Amino acid sequence: MNPYRSADWHAFRREVIALDGGACNRCGSRADDGAVLQVHHKQYLVGRKPWEYPFQLCEAICRGCHAVEHGKIPPRTGWEFIGCDDLGDLSGSCDYCGEQIRHVFLVCHPAWSAMEVGTVCCDKLTSTDEASAHLTAVVRMNTRRKTFVSSPRWYTDSQPFHTINQRTAAGWKVQITVAPYRGGYLLVIEGRSGKRVFPSVITAKAAAFDACESGEIDAWLRRTGRGRL
């Protein structure tokens, strides 16, 4: 006979739940509000029937929290944000809720394997706003990149060159030119041509923006002595 179907167990279960105030000890959900409360044994005593435990070794928890406790579903708290990636489209799937995602956030937990989750689930699991703050920063940077690429400060001369005078993240004044080269485009910084060939003017301008923001151009200017503050 299943011991959890016995009258003794049901009586013991009612007593534990009553002693815990009819609420889950983990999340606070109440039976009065529709939560399904169960009794969790905090440790197991060899040879004891489920209703023969001292009350202090048992607690009332809801069905969801009980599943977490026994490793049947991922823990709801205690996760740590590790890193993130942009897939470029909705080709990812959140390991926690199953929703399609573009921005993937890696989270880990000492009692569960690492998961790749979306922005909302990452914030909820880590109890932070790291994911949403990161996404806000990404959107802000993308907006600035678009503004830079389409800026009226870019000018052209008689040849198909696009040039802009720009300040870098460190405050250096630098002249950036997008020059045609073998069916593509090169970036020319302070008269020095780069080696990478870009497929379009737009991609070259976007790369120039990223190089300014990342400090890559600053490092090059210091190294070559070409910078003008």
C-alpha atoms as a PDB file:
ATOM      1  CA  MET A   1       0.000   0.000   0.000  1.00  0.00           C
ATOM      2  CA  ASN A   2       1.223   3.479  -0.846  1.00  0.00           C
ATOM      3  CA  PRO A   3       1.889   5.120   2.566  1.00  0.00           C
ATOM      4  CA  TYR A   4       0.905   8.514   1.180  1.00  0.00           C
ATOM      5  CA  ARG A   5      -2.652   7.238   0.678  1.00  0.00           C
ATOM      6  CA  SER A   6      -3.144   6.188   4.287  1.00  0.00           C
ATOM      7  CA  ALA A   7      -5.429   7.973   6.744  1.00  0.00           C
ATOM      8  CA  ASP A   8      -2.464   8.468   9.093  1.00  0.00           C
ATOM      9  CA  TRP A   9      -0.556  10.409   6.446  1.00  0.00           C
ATOM     10  CA  HIS A  10      -3.519  12.606   5.523  1.00  0.00           C
ATOM     11  CA  ALA A  11      -4.093  13.461   9.182  1.00  0.00           C
ATOM     12  CA  PHE A  12      -0.390  14.260   9.688  1.00  0.00           C
ATOM     13  CA  ARG A  13      -0.348  16.337   6.509  1.00  0.00           C
ATOM     14  CA  ARG A  14      -3.292  18.450   7.701  1.00  0.00           C
ATOM     15  CA  GLU A  15      -1.540  19.070  11.024  1.00  0.00           C
ATOM     16  CA  VAL A  16       1.725  20.215   9.398  1.00  0.00           C
ATOM     17  CA  ILE A  17      -0.085  22.570   7.026  1.00  0.00           C
ATOM     18  CA  ALA A  18      -2.123  23.995   9.904  1.00  0.00           C
ATOM     19  CA  LEU A  19       1.032  24.520  11.997  1.00  0.00           C
ATOM     20  CA  ASP A  20       2.576  26.455   9.092  1.00  0.00           C
ATOM     21  CA  GLY A  21      -0.456  28.713   8.875  1.00  0.00           C
ATOM     22  CA  GLY A  22      -1.896  27.215   5.702  1.00  0.00           C
ATOM     23  CA  ALA A  23       0.800  28.808   3.550  1.00  0.00           C
ATOM     24  CA  CYS A  24       3.884  27.744   1.613  1.00  0.00           C
ATOM     25  CA  ASN A  25       7.057  28.253   3.634  1.00  0.00           C
ATOM     26  CA  ARG A  26       8.963  29.239   0.487  1.00  0.00           C
ATOM     27  CA  CYS A  27       6.783  31.547  -1.593  1.00  0.00           C
ATOM     28  CA  GLY A  28       3.945  32.341   0.828  1.00  0.00           C
ATOM     29  CA  SER A  29       1.116  31.171  -1.435  1.00  0.00           C
ATOM     30  CA  ARG A  30      -1.922  30.038   0.519  1.00  0.00           C
ATOM     31  CA  ALA A  31      -4.382  27.198   0.219  1.00  0.00           C
ATOM     32  CA  ASP A  32      -7.171  29.761   0.647  1.00  0.00           C
ATOM     33  CA  ASP A  33      -5.993  31.350  -2.617  1.00  0.00           C
ATOM     34  CA  GLY A  34      -5.973  28.067  -4.534  1.00  0.00           C
ATOM     35  CA  ALA A  35      -2.403  26.886  -3.933  1.00  0.00           C
ATOM     36  CA  VAL A  36      -1.938  23.126  -3.644  1.00  0.00           C
ATOM     37  CA  LEU A  37       0.032  22.648  -0.426  1.00  0.00           C
ATOM     38  CA  GLN A  38       2.135  19.577   0.232  1.00  0.00           C
ATOM     39  CA  VAL A  39       4.381  18.439   3.073  1.00  0.00           C
ATOM     40  CA  HIS A  40       8.117  18.306   2.501  1.00  0.00           C
ATOM     41  CA  HIS A  41      10.418  16.215   4.713  1.00  0.00           C
ATOM     42  CA  LYS A  42      13.543  18.305   5.317  1.00  0.00           C
ATOM     43  CA  GLN A  43      15.559  15.144   5.920  1.00  0.00           C
ATOM     44  CA  TYR A  44      14.821  11.444   5.805  1.00  0.00           C
ATOM     45  CA  LEU A  45      14.907   9.145   8.812  1.00  0.00           C
ATOM     46  CA  VAL A  46      15.556   5.497   8.059  1.00  0.00           C
ATOM     47  CA  GLY A  47      12.701   3.200   9.092  1.00  0.00           C
ATOM     48  CA  ARG A  48      10.213   6.000   9.810  1.00  0.00           C
ATOM     49  CA  LYS A  49       6.846   6.158   8.111  1.00  0.00           C
ATOM     50  CA  PRO A  50       6.077   9.571   6.540  1.00  0.00           C
ATOM     51  CA  TRP A  51       3.722  10.493   9.447  1.00  0.00           C
ATOM     52  CA  GLU A  52       6.148   9.400  12.156  1.00  0.00           C
ATOM     53  CA  TYR A  53       8.477  12.371  11.721  1.00  0.00           C
ATOM     54  CA  PRO A  54       8.781  15.181  14.291  1.00  0.00           C
ATOM     55  CA  PHE A  55       6.978  18.306  13.120  1.00  0.00           C
ATOM     56  CA  GLN A  56      10.197  20.341  13.051  1.00  0.00           C
ATOM     57  CA  LEU A  57      11.551  18.121  10.251  1.00  0.00           C
ATOM     58  CA  CYS A  58       8.539  18.818   8.041  1.00  0.00           C
ATOM     59  CA  GLU A  59       7.199  21.916   6.342  1.00  0.00           C
ATOM     60  CA  ALA A  60       4.282  22.957   4.190  1.00  0.00           C
ATOM     61  CA  ILE A  61       5.277  24.039   0.689  1.00  0.00           C
ATOM     62  CA  CYS A  62       3.285  24.463  -2.504  1.00  0.00           C
ATOM     63  CA  ARG A  63       3.459  21.966  -5.339  1.00  0.00           C
ATOM     64  CA  GLY A  64       5.724  24.164  -7.442  1.00  0.00           C
ATOM     65  CA  CYS A  65       8.231  24.817  -4.666  1.00  0.00           C
ATOM     66  CA  HIS A  66       8.174  21.117  -3.783  1.00  0.00           C
ATOM     67  CA  ALA A  67       9.096  20.236  -7.374  1.00  0.00           C
ATOM     68  CA  VAL A  68      11.986  22.713  -7.222  1.00  0.00           C
ATOM     69  CA  GLU A  69      13.158  21.210  -3.918  1.00  0.00           C
ATOM     70  CA  HIS A  70      13.380  17.750  -5.462  1.00  0.00           C
ATOM     71  CA  GLY A  71      15.074  18.938  -8.650  1.00  0.00           C
ATOM     72  CA  LYS A  72      12.120  18.288 -10.950  1.00  0.00           C
ATOM     73  CA  ILE A  73      11.948  21.867 -12.242  1.00  0.00           C
ATOM     74  CA  PRO A  74      14.557  24.671 -12.241  1.00  0.00           C
ATOM     75  CA  PRO A  75      14.924  26.727  -9.037  1.00  0.00           C
ATOM     76  CA  ARG A  76      13.111  30.062  -9.141  1.00  0.00           C
ATOM     77  CA  THR A  77      15.786  32.093  -7.364  1.00  0.00           C
ATOM     78  CA  GLY A  78      19.520  32.014  -6.698  1.00  0.00           C
ATOM     79  CA  TRP A  79      20.650  32.258 -10.324  1.00  0.00           C
ATOM     80  CA  GLU A  80      23.715  34.211 -11.463  1.00  0.00           C
ATOM     81  CA  PHE A  81      24.099  36.066 -14.761  1.00  0.00           C
ATOM     82  CA  ILE A  82      27.225  34.897 -16.630  1.00  0.00           C
ATOM     83  CA  GLY A  83      27.133  36.329 -20.149  1.00  0.00           C
ATOM     84  CA  CYS A  84      25.010  37.113 -23.186  1.00  0.00           C
ATOM     85  CA  ASP A  85      24.857  36.869 -26.956  1.00  0.00           C
ATOM     86  CA  ASP A  86      22.853  38.443 -29.782  1.00  0.00           C
ATOM     87  CA  LEU A  87      21.680  35.817 -32.277  1.00  0.00           C
ATOM     88  CA  GLY A  88      20.570  38.449 -34.778  1.00  0.00           C
ATOM     89  CA  ASP A  89      17.027  37.078 -35.025  1.00  0.00           C
ATOM     90  CA  LEU A  90      14.461  35.048 -33.073  1.00  0.00           C
ATOM     91  CA  SER A  91      16.297  31.780 -33.614  1.00  0.00           C
ATOM     92  CA  GLY A  92      16.843  31.024 -29.930  1.00  0.00           C
ATOM     93  CA  SER A  93      14.563  29.453 -27.331  1.00  0.00           C
ATOM     94  CA  CYS A  94      14.417  30.297 -23.630  1.00  0.00           C
ATOM     95  CA  ASP A  95      15.295  27.211 -21.574  1.00  0.00           C
ATOM     96  CA  TYR A  96      13.015  28.424 -18.759  1.00  0.00           C
ATOM     97  CA  CYS A  97       9.776  29.487 -20.455  1.00  0.00           C
ATOM     98  CA  GLY A  98      10.217  28.214 -24.019  1.00  0.00           C
ATOM     99  CA  GLU A  99       9.661  31.585 -25.712  1.00  0.00           C
ATOM    100  CA  GLN A 100      11.578  32.440 -28.881  1.00  0.00           C
ATOM    101  CA  ILE A 101      14.399  34.867 -28.143  1.00  0.00           C
ATOM    102  CA  ARG A 102      17.060  36.859 -29.985  1.00  0.00           C
ATOM    103  CA  HIS A 103      19.118  38.076 -27.029  1.00  0.00           C
ATOM    104  CA  VAL A 104      20.388  35.060 -25.069  1.00  0.00           C
ATOM    105  CA  PHE A 105      21.494  35.382 -21.440  1.00  0.00           C
ATOM    106  CA  LEU A 106      23.458  32.580 -19.805  1.00  0.00           C
ATOM    107  CA  VAL A 107      22.598  31.956 -16.136  1.00  0.00           C
ATOM    108  CA  CYS A 108      23.914  29.330 -13.731  1.00  0.00           C
ATOM    109  CA  HIS A 109      22.822  27.879 -10.391  1.00  0.00           C
ATOM    110  CA  PRO A 110      24.713  25.670  -7.914  1.00  0.00           C
ATOM    111  CA  ALA A 111      21.853  23.145  -7.889  1.00  0.00           C
ATOM    112  CA  TRP A 112      20.996  23.139 -11.608  1.00  0.00           C
ATOM    113  CA  SER A 113      22.730  23.070 -14.973  1.00  0.00           C
ATOM    114  CA  ALA A 114      23.323  26.351 -16.797  1.00  0.00           C
ATOM    115  CA  MET A 115      20.446  27.707 -18.889  1.00  0.00           C
ATOM    116  CA  GLU A 116      20.125  30.100 -21.833  1.00  0.00           C
ATOM    117  CA  VAL A 117      17.179  32.401 -21.152  1.00  0.00           C
ATOM    118  CA  GLY A 118      15.550  35.574 -22.421  1.00  0.00           C
ATOM    119  CA  THR A 119      15.602  39.056 -20.924  1.00  0.00           C
ATOM    120  CA  VAL A 120      12.502  38.746 -18.709  1.00  0.00           C
ATOM    121  CA  CYS A 121      13.416  35.313 -17.359  1.00  0.00           C
ATOM    122  CA  CYS A 122      17.002  36.390 -16.673  1.00  0.00           C
ATOM    123  CA  ASP A 123      15.858  39.364 -14.597  1.00  0.00           C
ATOM    124  CA  LYS A 124      13.338  37.200 -12.741  1.00  0.00           C
ATOM    125  CA  LEU A 125      15.733  34.329 -12.002  1.00  0.00           C
ATOM    126  CA  THR A 126      18.627  36.555 -10.915  1.00  0.00           C
ATOM    127  CA  SER A 127      16.397  39.075  -9.092  1.00  0.00           C
ATOM    128  CA  THR A 128      18.261  41.862 -10.901  1.00  0.00           C
ATOM    129  CA  ASP A 129      17.759  44.111 -13.913  1.00  0.00           C
ATOM    130  CA  GLU A 130      21.079  43.125 -15.518  1.00  0.00           C
ATOM    131  CA  ALA A 131      19.485  41.666 -18.634  1.00  0.00           C
ATOM    132  CA  SER A 132      17.021  44.497 -19.246  1.00  0.00           C
ATOM    133  CA  ALA A 133      19.732  47.097 -18.506  1.00  0.00           C
ATOM    134  CA  HIS A 134      22.041  45.378 -20.991  1.00  0.00           C
ATOM    135  CA  LEU A 135      19.318  45.299 -23.632  1.00  0.00           C
ATOM    136  CA  THR A 136      18.572  48.991 -23.030  1.00  0.00           C
ATOM    137  CA  ALA A 137      22.253  49.793 -23.513  1.00  0.00           C
ATOM    138  CA  VAL A 138      22.327  47.739 -26.736  1.00  0.00           C
ATOM    139  CA  VAL A 139      19.292  49.585 -28.116  1.00  0.00           C
ATOM    140  CA  ARG A 140      20.825  52.940 -27.151  1.00  0.00           C
ATOM    141  CA  MET A 141      24.114  52.027 -28.854  1.00  0.00           C
ATOM    142  CA  ASN A 142      22.297  50.856 -31.990  1.00  0.00           C
ATOM    143  CA  THR A 143      20.426  54.167 -32.130  1.00  0.00           C
ATOM    144  CA  ARG A 144      23.676  56.119 -31.831  1.00  0.00           C
ATOM    145  CA  ARG A 145      25.277  53.973 -34.545  1.00  0.00           C
ATOM    146  CA  LYS A 146      22.379  54.695 -36.922  1.00  0.00           C
ATOM    147  CA  THR A 147      22.637  58.414 -36.144  1.00  0.00           C
ATOM    148  CA  PHE A 148      26.376  58.374 -36.867  1.00  0.00           C
ATOM    149  CA  VAL A 149      26.004  56.474 -40.145  1.00  0.00           C
ATOM    150  CA  SER A 150      23.351  58.881 -41.461  1.00  0.00           C
ATOM    151  CA  SER A 151      24.894  62.051 -39.986  1.00  0.00           C
ATOM    152  CA  PRO A 152      24.967  65.144 -42.257  1.00  0.00           C
ATOM    153  CA  ARG A 153      28.529  65.691 -40.998  1.00  0.00           C
ATOM    154  CA  TRP A 154      29.688  63.135 -43.553  1.00  0.00           C
ATOM    155  CA  TYR A 155      30.781  64.983 -46.702  1.00  0.00           C
ATOM    156  CA  THR A 156      31.957  63.907 -50.168  1.00  0.00           C
ATOM    157  CA  ASP A 157      34.330  65.517 -52.657  1.00  0.00           C
ATOM    158  CA  SER A 158      34.661  65.060 -56.395  1.00  0.00           C
ATOM    159  CA  GLN A 159      35.600  61.426 -55.842  1.00  0.00           C
ATOM    160  CA  PRO A 160      33.271  58.863 -54.219  1.00  0.00           C
ATOM    161  CA  PHE A 161      34.882  59.322 -50.788  1.00  0.00           C
ATOM    162  CA  HIS A 162      32.887  59.877 -47.586  1.00  0.00           C
ATOM    163  CA  THR A 163      34.688  61.789 -44.827  1.00  0.00           C
ATOM    164  CA  ILE A 164      33.829  62.883 -41.307  1.00  0.00           C
ATOM    165  CA  ASN A 165      35.710  64.654 -38.523  1.00  0.00           C
ATOM    166  CA  GLN A 166      34.952  62.791 -35.330  1.00  0.00           C
ATOM    167  CA  ARG A 167      35.874  62.748 -31.672  1.00  0.00           C
ATOM    168  CA  THR A 168      36.714  59.368 -30.197  1.00  0.00           C
ATOM    169  CA  ALA A 169      35.658  58.032 -26.800  1.00  0.00           C
ATOM    170  CA  ALA A 170      38.853  59.469 -25.268  1.00  0.00           C
ATOM    171  CA  GLY A 171      38.324  62.868 -26.889  1.00  0.00           C
ATOM    172  CA  TRP A 172      40.815  62.613 -29.766  1.00  0.00           C
ATOM    173  CA  LYS A 173      40.020  64.507 -32.967  1.00  0.00           C
ATOM    174  CA  VAL A 174      40.243  62.176 -35.931  1.00  0.00           C
ATOM    175  CA  GLN A 175      39.428  62.311 -39.623  1.00  0.00           C
ATOM    176  CA  ILE A 176      37.741  59.178 -40.941  1.00  0.00           C
ATOM    177  CA  THR A 177      37.281  58.484 -44.640  1.00  0.00           C
ATOM    178  CA  VAL A 178      35.424  55.681 -46.371  1.00  0.00           C
ATOM    179  CA  ALA A 179      37.273  55.024 -49.633  1.00  0.00           C
ATOM    180  CA  PRO A 180      36.332  52.679 -52.509  1.00  0.00           C
ATOM    181  CA  TYR A 181      38.718  49.766 -52.996  1.00  0.00           C
ATOM    182  CA  ARG A 182      38.459  46.717 -55.296  1.00  0.00           C
ATOM    183  CA  GLY A 183      34.690  46.554 -55.325  1.00  0.00           C
ATOM    184  CA  GLY A 184      34.409  47.332 -51.613  1.00  0.00           C
ATOM    185  CA  TYR A 185      35.401  50.051 -49.179  1.00  0.00           C
ATOM    186  CA  LEU A 186      38.293  50.751 -46.826  1.00  0.00           C
ATOM    187  CA  LEU A 187      38.466  52.888 -43.727  1.00  0.00           C
ATOM    188  CA  VAL A 188      41.162  55.541 -43.844  1.00  0.00           C
ATOM    189  CA  ILE A 189      42.020  56.973 -40.414  1.00  0.00           C
ATOM    190  CA  GLU A 190      44.146  60.121 -40.370  1.00  0.00           C
ATOM    191  CA  GLY A 191      45.438  59.225 -43.827  1.00  0.00           C
ATOM    192  CA  ARG A 192      46.320  55.619 -42.917  1.00  0.00           C
ATOM    193  CA  SER A 193      44.320  52.919 -44.733  1.00  0.00           C
ATOM    194  CA  GLY A 194      43.039  49.892 -42.883  1.00  0.00           C
ATOM    195  CA  LYS A 195      43.282  46.346 -44.221  1.00  0.00           C
ATOM    196  CA  ARG A 196      39.682  45.235 -43.892  1.00  0.00           C
ATOM    197  CA  VAL A 197      37.471  45.588 -46.973  1.00  0.00           C
ATOM    198  CA  PHE A 198      33.799  46.317 -46.281  1.00  0.00           C
ATOM    199  CA  PRO A 199      30.990  45.401 -48.691  1.00  0.00           C
ATOM    200  CA  SER A 200      29.225  48.784 -48.478  1.00  0.00           C
ATOM    201  CA  VAL A 201      29.615  52.371 -47.348  1.00  0.00           C
ATOM    202  CA  ILE A 202      27.115  51.763 -44.540  1.00  0.00           C
ATOM    203  CA  THR A 203      28.997  48.787 -43.067  1.00  0.00           C
ATOM    204  CA  ALA A 204      32.255  50.738 -43.241  1.00  0.00           C
ATOM    205  CA  LYS A 205      30.725  53.710 -41.430  1.00  0.00           C
ATOM    206  CA  ALA A 206      29.229  51.399 -38.789  1.00  0.00           C
ATOM    207  CA  ALA A 207      32.654  49.807 -38.258  1.00  0.00           C
ATOM    208  CA  ALA A 208      34.163  53.277 -37.841  1.00  0.00           C
ATOM    209  CA  PHE A 209      31.603  54.069 -35.145  1.00  0.00           C
ATOM    210  CA  ASP A 210      32.327  50.815 -33.292  1.00  0.00           C
ATOM    211  CA  ALA A 211      36.083  51.441 -33.476  1.00  0.00           C
ATOM    212  CA  CYS A 212      35.616  54.912 -31.989  1.00  0.00           C
ATOM    213  CA  GLU A 213      33.357  53.658 -29.202  1.00  0.00           C
ATOM    214  CA  SER A 214      35.454  50.613 -28.286  1.00  0.00           C
ATOM    215  CA  GLY A 215      38.675  52.570 -27.879  1.00  0.00           C
ATOM    216  CA  GLU A 216      40.341  50.752 -30.778  1.00  0.00           C
ATOM    217  CA  ILE A 217      41.078  54.013 -32.603  1.00  0.00           C
ATOM    218  CA  ASP A 218      42.264  55.659 -29.367  1.00  0.00           C
ATOM    219  CA  ALA A 219      44.817  52.897 -28.849  1.00  0.00           C
ATOM    220  CA  TRP A 220      46.015  53.221 -32.452  1.00  0.00           C
ATOM    221  CA  LEU A 221      46.346  57.007 -32.190  1.00  0.00           C
ATOM    222  CA  ARG A 222      48.453  56.740 -29.032  1.00  0.00           C
ATOM    223  CA  ARG A 223      50.626  54.049 -30.560  1.00  0.00           C
ATOM    224  CA  THR A 224      51.279  55.957 -33.778  1.00  0.00           C
ATOM    225  CA  GLY A 225      51.327  59.468 -32.318  1.00  0.00           C
ATOM    226  CA  ARG A 226      48.729  60.650 -34.844  1.00  0.00           C
ATOM    227  CA  GLY A 227      46.159  61.821 -32.327  1.00  0.00           C
ATOM    228  CA  ARG A 228      45.076  65.437 -31.840  1.00  0.00           C
ATOM    229  CA  LEU A 229      43.333  66.291 -28.575  1.00  0.00           C
END
